[in-house]
C-alpha atoms as a PDB file:
ATOM      1  CA  ILE A   1       1.172   3.800 -18.745  1.00  0.00           C
ATOM      2  CA  ALA A   2       4.213   2.718 -20.719  1.00  0.00           C
ATOM      3  CA  THR A   3       4.241  -0.685 -22.306  1.00  0.00           C
ATOM      4  CA  ALA A   4       6.796  -2.662 -24.214  1.00  0.00           C
ATOM      5  CA  GLU A   5       6.580  -5.849 -26.208  1.00  0.00           C
ATOM      6  CA  GLY A   6       9.877  -7.238 -27.346  1.00  0.00           C
ATOM      7  CA  ASP A   7      12.188  -4.315 -28.056  1.00  0.00           C
ATOM      8  CA  SER A   8       9.528  -1.828 -29.121  1.00  0.00           C
ATOM      9  CA  ILE A   9       7.141   0.422 -27.262  1.00  0.00           C
ATOM     10  CA  ALA A  10       3.607  -0.675 -28.022  1.00  0.00           C
ATOM     11  CA  ALA A  11       0.087   0.562 -27.396  1.00  0.00           C
ATOM     12  CA  THR A  12      -1.283   0.120 -23.883  1.00  0.00           C
ATOM     13  CA  SER A  13      -3.635  -2.631 -25.045  1.00  0.00           C
ATOM     14  CA  PRO A  14      -2.397  -6.141 -24.296  1.00  0.00           C
ATOM     15  CA  PRO A  15      -1.180  -8.472 -27.043  1.00  0.00           C
ATOM     16  CA  ALA A  16      -3.508 -11.114 -28.489  1.00  0.00           C
ATOM     17  CA  TRP A  17      -1.901 -13.917 -26.461  1.00  0.00           C
ATOM     18  CA  PHE A  18      -2.518 -12.192 -23.099  1.00  0.00           C
ATOM     19  CA  SER A  19      -5.367 -13.223 -20.797  1.00  0.00           C
ATOM     20  CA  THR A  20      -5.468 -12.925 -17.005  1.00  0.00           C
ATOM     21  CA  GLU A  21      -7.017 -16.415 -16.870  1.00  0.00           C
ATOM     22  CA  LYS A  22      -3.781 -17.820 -18.336  1.00  0.00           C
ATOM     23  CA  ILE A  23      -1.540 -16.446 -15.538  1.00  0.00           C
ATOM     24  CA  MET A  24      -0.289 -19.561 -13.775  1.00  0.00           C
ATOM     25  CA  LYS A  25       2.311 -18.039 -11.461  1.00  0.00           C
ATOM     26  CA  THR A  26       3.194 -14.593 -10.138  1.00  0.00           C
ATOM     27  CA  LEU A  27       6.484 -13.519  -8.595  1.00  0.00           C
ATOM     28  CA  ASP A  28       6.827 -10.135  -6.935  1.00  0.00           C
ATOM     29  CA  ALA A  29      10.612  -9.796  -7.184  1.00  0.00           C
ATOM     30  CA  ARG A  30      10.757  -6.342  -5.579  1.00  0.00           C
ATOM     31  CA  PRO A  31      11.609  -7.636  -2.057  1.00  0.00           C
ATOM     32  CA  MET A  32      14.345  -9.885  -3.511  1.00  0.00           C
ATOM     33  CA  LEU A  33      15.832  -6.996  -5.493  1.00  0.00           C
ATOM     34  CA  GLU A  34      15.673  -4.648  -2.490  1.00  0.00           C
ATOM     35  CA  SER A  35      17.663  -7.162  -0.429  1.00  0.00           C
ATOM     36  CA  GLY A  36      20.319  -7.491  -3.146  1.00  0.00           C
ATOM     37  CA  GLN A  37      19.153 -10.841  -4.543  1.00  0.00           C
ATOM     38  CA  HIS A  38      18.709 -11.428  -8.258  1.00  0.00           C
ATOM     39  CA  PRO A  39      15.602 -13.390  -9.324  1.00  0.00           C
ATOM     40  CA  ILE A  40      16.909 -14.521 -12.739  1.00  0.00           C
ATOM     41  CA  ALA A  41      17.632 -18.148 -11.727  1.00  0.00           C
ATOM     42  CA  LEU A  42      14.266 -18.501  -9.979  1.00  0.00           C
ATOM     43  CA  VAL A  43      12.365 -16.941 -12.890  1.00  0.00           C
ATOM     44  CA  MET A  44      14.113 -19.161 -15.455  1.00  0.00           C
ATOM     45  CA  LYS A  45      13.286 -22.244 -13.346  1.00  0.00           C
ATOM     46  CA  ASP A  46       9.644 -21.138 -13.107  1.00  0.00           C
ATOM     47  CA  LEU A  47       9.485 -20.468 -16.852  1.00  0.00           C
ATOM     48  CA  ASP A  48      10.759 -23.988 -17.588  1.00  0.00           C
ATOM     49  CA  GLU A  49       7.699 -25.329 -15.733  1.00  0.00           C
ATOM     50  CA  LEU A  50       5.172 -23.421 -17.872  1.00  0.00           C
ATOM     51  CA  SER A  51       3.138 -25.204 -20.511  1.00  0.00           C
ATOM     52  CA  ALA A  52       2.468 -23.671 -23.916  1.00  0.00           C
ATOM     53  CA  GLY A  53       0.019 -20.764 -23.654  1.00  0.00           C
ATOM     54  CA  GLU A  54       0.455 -20.306 -19.899  1.00  0.00           C
ATOM     55  CA  ILE A  55       1.598 -16.918 -18.594  1.00  0.00           C
ATOM     56  CA  TYR A  56       4.101 -15.995 -15.895  1.00  0.00           C
ATOM     57  CA  GLU A  57       3.716 -12.615 -14.178  1.00  0.00           C
ATOM     58  CA  LEU A  58       6.857 -10.925 -12.869  1.00  0.00           C
ATOM     59  CA  ILE A  59       6.617  -7.745 -10.788  1.00  0.00           C
ATOM     60  CA  THR A  60       9.726  -5.549 -10.577  1.00  0.00           C
ATOM     61  CA  PRO A  61      10.506  -1.847  -9.996  1.00  0.00           C
ATOM     62  CA  PHE A  62      11.811  -1.530 -13.600  1.00  0.00           C
ATOM     63  CA  ILE A  63      11.583  -3.324 -16.954  1.00  0.00           C
ATOM     64  CA  PRO A  64      13.917  -6.313 -16.469  1.00  0.00           C
ATOM     65  CA  ALA A  65      15.441  -6.122 -19.965  1.00  0.00           C
ATOM     66  CA  PRO A  66      18.286  -8.661 -19.496  1.00  0.00           C
ATOM     67  CA  LEU A  67      15.882 -11.218 -18.050  1.00  0.00           C
ATOM     68  CA  LEU A  68      13.350 -10.614 -20.832  1.00  0.00           C
ATOM     69  CA  ASP A  69      16.113 -11.037 -23.421  1.00  0.00           C
ATOM     70  CA  MET A  70      17.141 -14.359 -21.846  1.00  0.00           C
ATOM     71  CA  ALA A  71      13.528 -15.560 -21.872  1.00  0.00           C
ATOM     72  CA  ALA A  72      13.080 -14.476 -25.500  1.00  0.00           C
ATOM     73  CA  LYS A  73      16.103 -16.587 -26.481  1.00  0.00           C
ATOM     74  CA  LYS A  74      14.313 -19.553 -24.902  1.00  0.00           C
ATOM     75  CA  GLY A  75      11.220 -18.936 -27.034  1.00  0.00           C
ATOM     76  CA  PHE A  76       9.127 -16.811 -24.671  1.00  0.00           C
ATOM     77  CA  THR A  77       7.191 -13.760 -25.749  1.00  0.00           C
ATOM     78  CA  HIS A  78       6.744 -10.932 -23.269  1.00  0.00           C
ATOM     79  CA  TRP A  79       4.785  -7.800 -22.587  1.00  0.00           C
ATOM     80  CA  SER A  80       5.522  -5.260 -19.836  1.00  0.00           C
ATOM     81  CA  VAL A  81       3.263  -2.629 -18.307  1.00  0.00           C
ATOM     82  CA  THR A  82       4.400   0.159 -15.981  1.00  0.00           C
ATOM     83  CA  GLU A  83       1.726   0.551 -13.301  1.00  0.00           C
ATOM     84  CA  GLY A  84       3.510   2.992 -11.005  1.00  0.00           C
ATOM     85  CA  PRO A  85       6.892   4.479 -10.123  1.00  0.00           C
ATOM     86  CA  ASP A  86       8.135   1.180  -8.641  1.00  0.00           C
ATOM     87  CA  CYS A  87       5.780  -1.314 -10.275  1.00  0.00           C
ATOM     88  CA  VAL A  88       6.376  -2.905 -13.651  1.00  0.00           C
ATOM     89  CA  LYS A  89       4.448  -6.057 -14.483  1.00  0.00           C
ATOM     90  CA  SER A  90       6.064  -8.251 -17.109  1.00  0.00           C
ATOM     91  CA  PHE A  91       4.070 -11.100 -18.575  1.00  0.00           C
ATOM     92  CA  LEU A  92       5.903 -13.980 -20.231  1.00  0.00           C
ATOM     93  CA  SER A  93       4.312 -16.717 -22.297  1.00  0.00           C
ATOM     94  CA  LYS A  94       5.663 -19.825 -23.917  1.00  0.00           C
ATOM     95  CA  GLY A  95       4.722 -19.703 -27.570  1.00  0.00           C
END
């Protein structure tokens, strides 16, 4: 299992802010990506609706670095976990 928090590879244990009980919304973007759609606008809209401490779960076939960078510039922290060859779960939280 590969994980990344920010720009660095981290241990497989989740960060202190992560808790499954705090996941408020999940988007599996794999079908969108397979059909040629880009989920960035939808994800950014969803992130704007999060309250402090809530977590957004994004499922993609790869680490969505540009999207994570955009979210970080808006004050979100993130943590990604690779769960399979086509399954990366990225968790974003509003600090």
